[in-house]
Amino acid sequence: MSIPLTDRAQIDPAERQRLAHEVAEQRTLGDVLEWGLAQKPVRRVEEIVTQDEYTHDVLVPLAPPLYLVYDVS
């Protein structure tokens, strides 16, 4: 199963395709952290927003003002 990328910022189609390919295999928060540490510059989790007791949004900054936001539970 591939993880979809929802583009709410209408980024450049080539950049969107590149990001979609990179996040497609990120199935766990560990995958996200590993990916972020491998990036140049390093992409670290900037914030975790609690939605309820089971669901959190994990924000990873890209180029300002863009973020990848992972909905995790």
C-alpha atoms as a PDB file:
ATOM      1  CA  MET A   1       0.000   0.000   0.000  1.00  0.00           C
ATOM      2  CA  SER A   2       1.292   3.399  -1.017  1.00  0.00           C
ATOM      3  CA  ILE A   3       0.763   6.466   1.191  1.00  0.00           C
ATOM      4  CA  PRO A   4      -0.868   9.260  -0.851  1.00  0.00           C
ATOM      5  CA  LEU A   5       0.298  12.862  -0.880  1.00  0.00           C
ATOM      6  CA  THR A   6      -2.455  15.467  -0.758  1.00  0.00           C
ATOM      7  CA  ASP A   7      -1.218  18.764  -2.178  1.00  0.00           C
ATOM      8  CA  ARG A   8      -3.078  21.657  -0.530  1.00  0.00           C
ATOM      9  CA  ALA A   9      -0.443  24.248  -1.490  1.00  0.00           C
ATOM     10  CA  GLN A  10      -0.530  23.731  -5.277  1.00  0.00           C
ATOM     11  CA  ILE A  11       3.218  23.236  -5.493  1.00  0.00           C
ATOM     12  CA  ASP A  12       5.092  22.824  -8.743  1.00  0.00           C
ATOM     13  CA  PRO A  13       3.979  19.559 -10.415  1.00  0.00           C
ATOM     14  CA  ALA A  14       7.552  18.234 -10.699  1.00  0.00           C
ATOM     15  CA  GLU A  15       8.184  18.918  -6.998  1.00  0.00           C
ATOM     16  CA  ARG A  16       4.855  17.344  -6.080  1.00  0.00           C
ATOM     17  CA  GLN A  17       5.755  14.202  -8.038  1.00  0.00           C
ATOM     18  CA  ARG A  18       9.157  13.998  -6.323  1.00  0.00           C
ATOM     19  CA  LEU A  19       7.612  14.386  -2.857  1.00  0.00           C
ATOM     20  CA  ALA A  20       4.825  11.910  -3.649  1.00  0.00           C
ATOM     21  CA  HIS A  21       7.439   9.330  -4.622  1.00  0.00           C
ATOM     22  CA  GLU A  22       9.445   9.943  -1.439  1.00  0.00           C
ATOM     23  CA  VAL A  23       6.520   9.745   1.002  1.00  0.00           C
ATOM     24  CA  ALA A  24       4.785   6.830  -0.738  1.00  0.00           C
ATOM     25  CA  GLU A  25       6.728   4.236   1.247  1.00  0.00           C
ATOM     26  CA  GLN A  26       6.696   6.028   4.625  1.00  0.00           C
ATOM     27  CA  ARG A  27       4.390   3.795   6.659  1.00  0.00           C
ATOM     28  CA  THR A  28       5.545   4.601  10.183  1.00  0.00           C
ATOM     29  CA  LEU A  29       6.771   7.619  12.105  1.00  0.00           C
ATOM     30  CA  GLY A  30      10.143   5.873  12.199  1.00  0.00           C
ATOM     31  CA  ASP A  31      10.174   5.907   8.379  1.00  0.00           C
ATOM     32  CA  VAL A  32       9.450   9.650   8.423  1.00  0.00           C
ATOM     33  CA  LEU A  33      12.245  10.322  10.923  1.00  0.00           C
ATOM     34  CA  GLU A  34      14.727   8.193   8.971  1.00  0.00           C
ATOM     35  CA  TRP A  35      13.810   9.981   5.728  1.00  0.00           C
ATOM     36  CA  GLY A  36      14.155  13.401   7.381  1.00  0.00           C
ATOM     37  CA  LEU A  37      17.609  12.640   8.758  1.00  0.00           C
ATOM     38  CA  ALA A  38      18.776  11.538   5.295  1.00  0.00           C
ATOM     39  CA  GLN A  39      17.752  14.862   3.693  1.00  0.00           C
ATOM     40  CA  LYS A  40      20.110  17.753   2.947  1.00  0.00           C
ATOM     41  CA  PRO A  41      19.348  19.891   4.883  1.00  0.00           C
ATOM     42  CA  VAL A  42      18.053  17.549   7.567  1.00  0.00           C
ATOM     43  CA  ARG A  43      14.259  17.660   8.011  1.00  0.00           C
ATOM     44  CA  ARG A  44      13.261  17.282  11.661  1.00  0.00           C
ATOM     45  CA  VAL A  45       9.810  17.117  13.182  1.00  0.00           C
ATOM     46  CA  GLU A  46       9.041  20.701  14.152  1.00  0.00           C
ATOM     47  CA  GLU A  47       5.784  20.154  15.987  1.00  0.00           C
ATOM     48  CA  ILE A  48       3.299  17.465  16.984  1.00  0.00           C
ATOM     49  CA  VAL A  49      -0.290  18.690  17.242  1.00  0.00           C
ATOM     50  CA  THR A  50      -2.644  16.532  19.310  1.00  0.00           C
ATOM     51  CA  GLN A  51      -6.045  16.112  17.664  1.00  0.00           C
ATOM     52  CA  ASP A  52      -7.478  13.682  20.223  1.00  0.00           C
ATOM     53  CA  GLU A  53      -6.152  10.907  22.454  1.00  0.00           C
ATOM     54  CA  TYR A  54      -5.392   8.692  19.428  1.00  0.00           C
ATOM     55  CA  THR A  55      -4.599  11.063  16.557  1.00  0.00           C
ATOM     56  CA  HIS A  56      -1.745  13.530  16.070  1.00  0.00           C
ATOM     57  CA  ASP A  57      -0.505  15.689  13.205  1.00  0.00           C
ATOM     58  CA  VAL A  58       3.264  15.593  12.775  1.00  0.00           C
ATOM     59  CA  LEU A  59       4.677  18.677  11.041  1.00  0.00           C
ATOM     60  CA  VAL A  60       7.927  18.463   9.078  1.00  0.00           C
ATOM     61  CA  PRO A  61       9.089  21.740   7.494  1.00  0.00           C
ATOM     62  CA  LEU A  62      10.089  21.835   3.839  1.00  0.00           C
ATOM     63  CA  ALA A  63      10.932  25.175   2.228  1.00  0.00           C
ATOM     64  CA  PRO A  64       9.155  28.010   4.062  1.00  0.00           C
ATOM     65  CA  PRO A  65       6.194  28.269   4.274  1.00  0.00           C
ATOM     66  CA  LEU A  66       5.623  24.629   3.205  1.00  0.00           C
ATOM     67  CA  TYR A  67       5.246  21.662   5.556  1.00  0.00           C
ATOM     68  CA  LEU A  68       4.649  17.964   5.189  1.00  0.00           C
ATOM     69  CA  VAL A  69       1.892  17.095   7.659  1.00  0.00           C
ATOM     70  CA  TYR A  70       1.489  13.466   8.647  1.00  0.00           C
ATOM     71  CA  ASP A  71      -1.794  12.327  10.201  1.00  0.00           C
ATOM     72  CA  VAL A  72      -0.722   9.596  12.632  1.00  0.00           C
ATOM     73  CA  SER A  73      -2.621   7.459  15.065  1.00  0.00           C
END
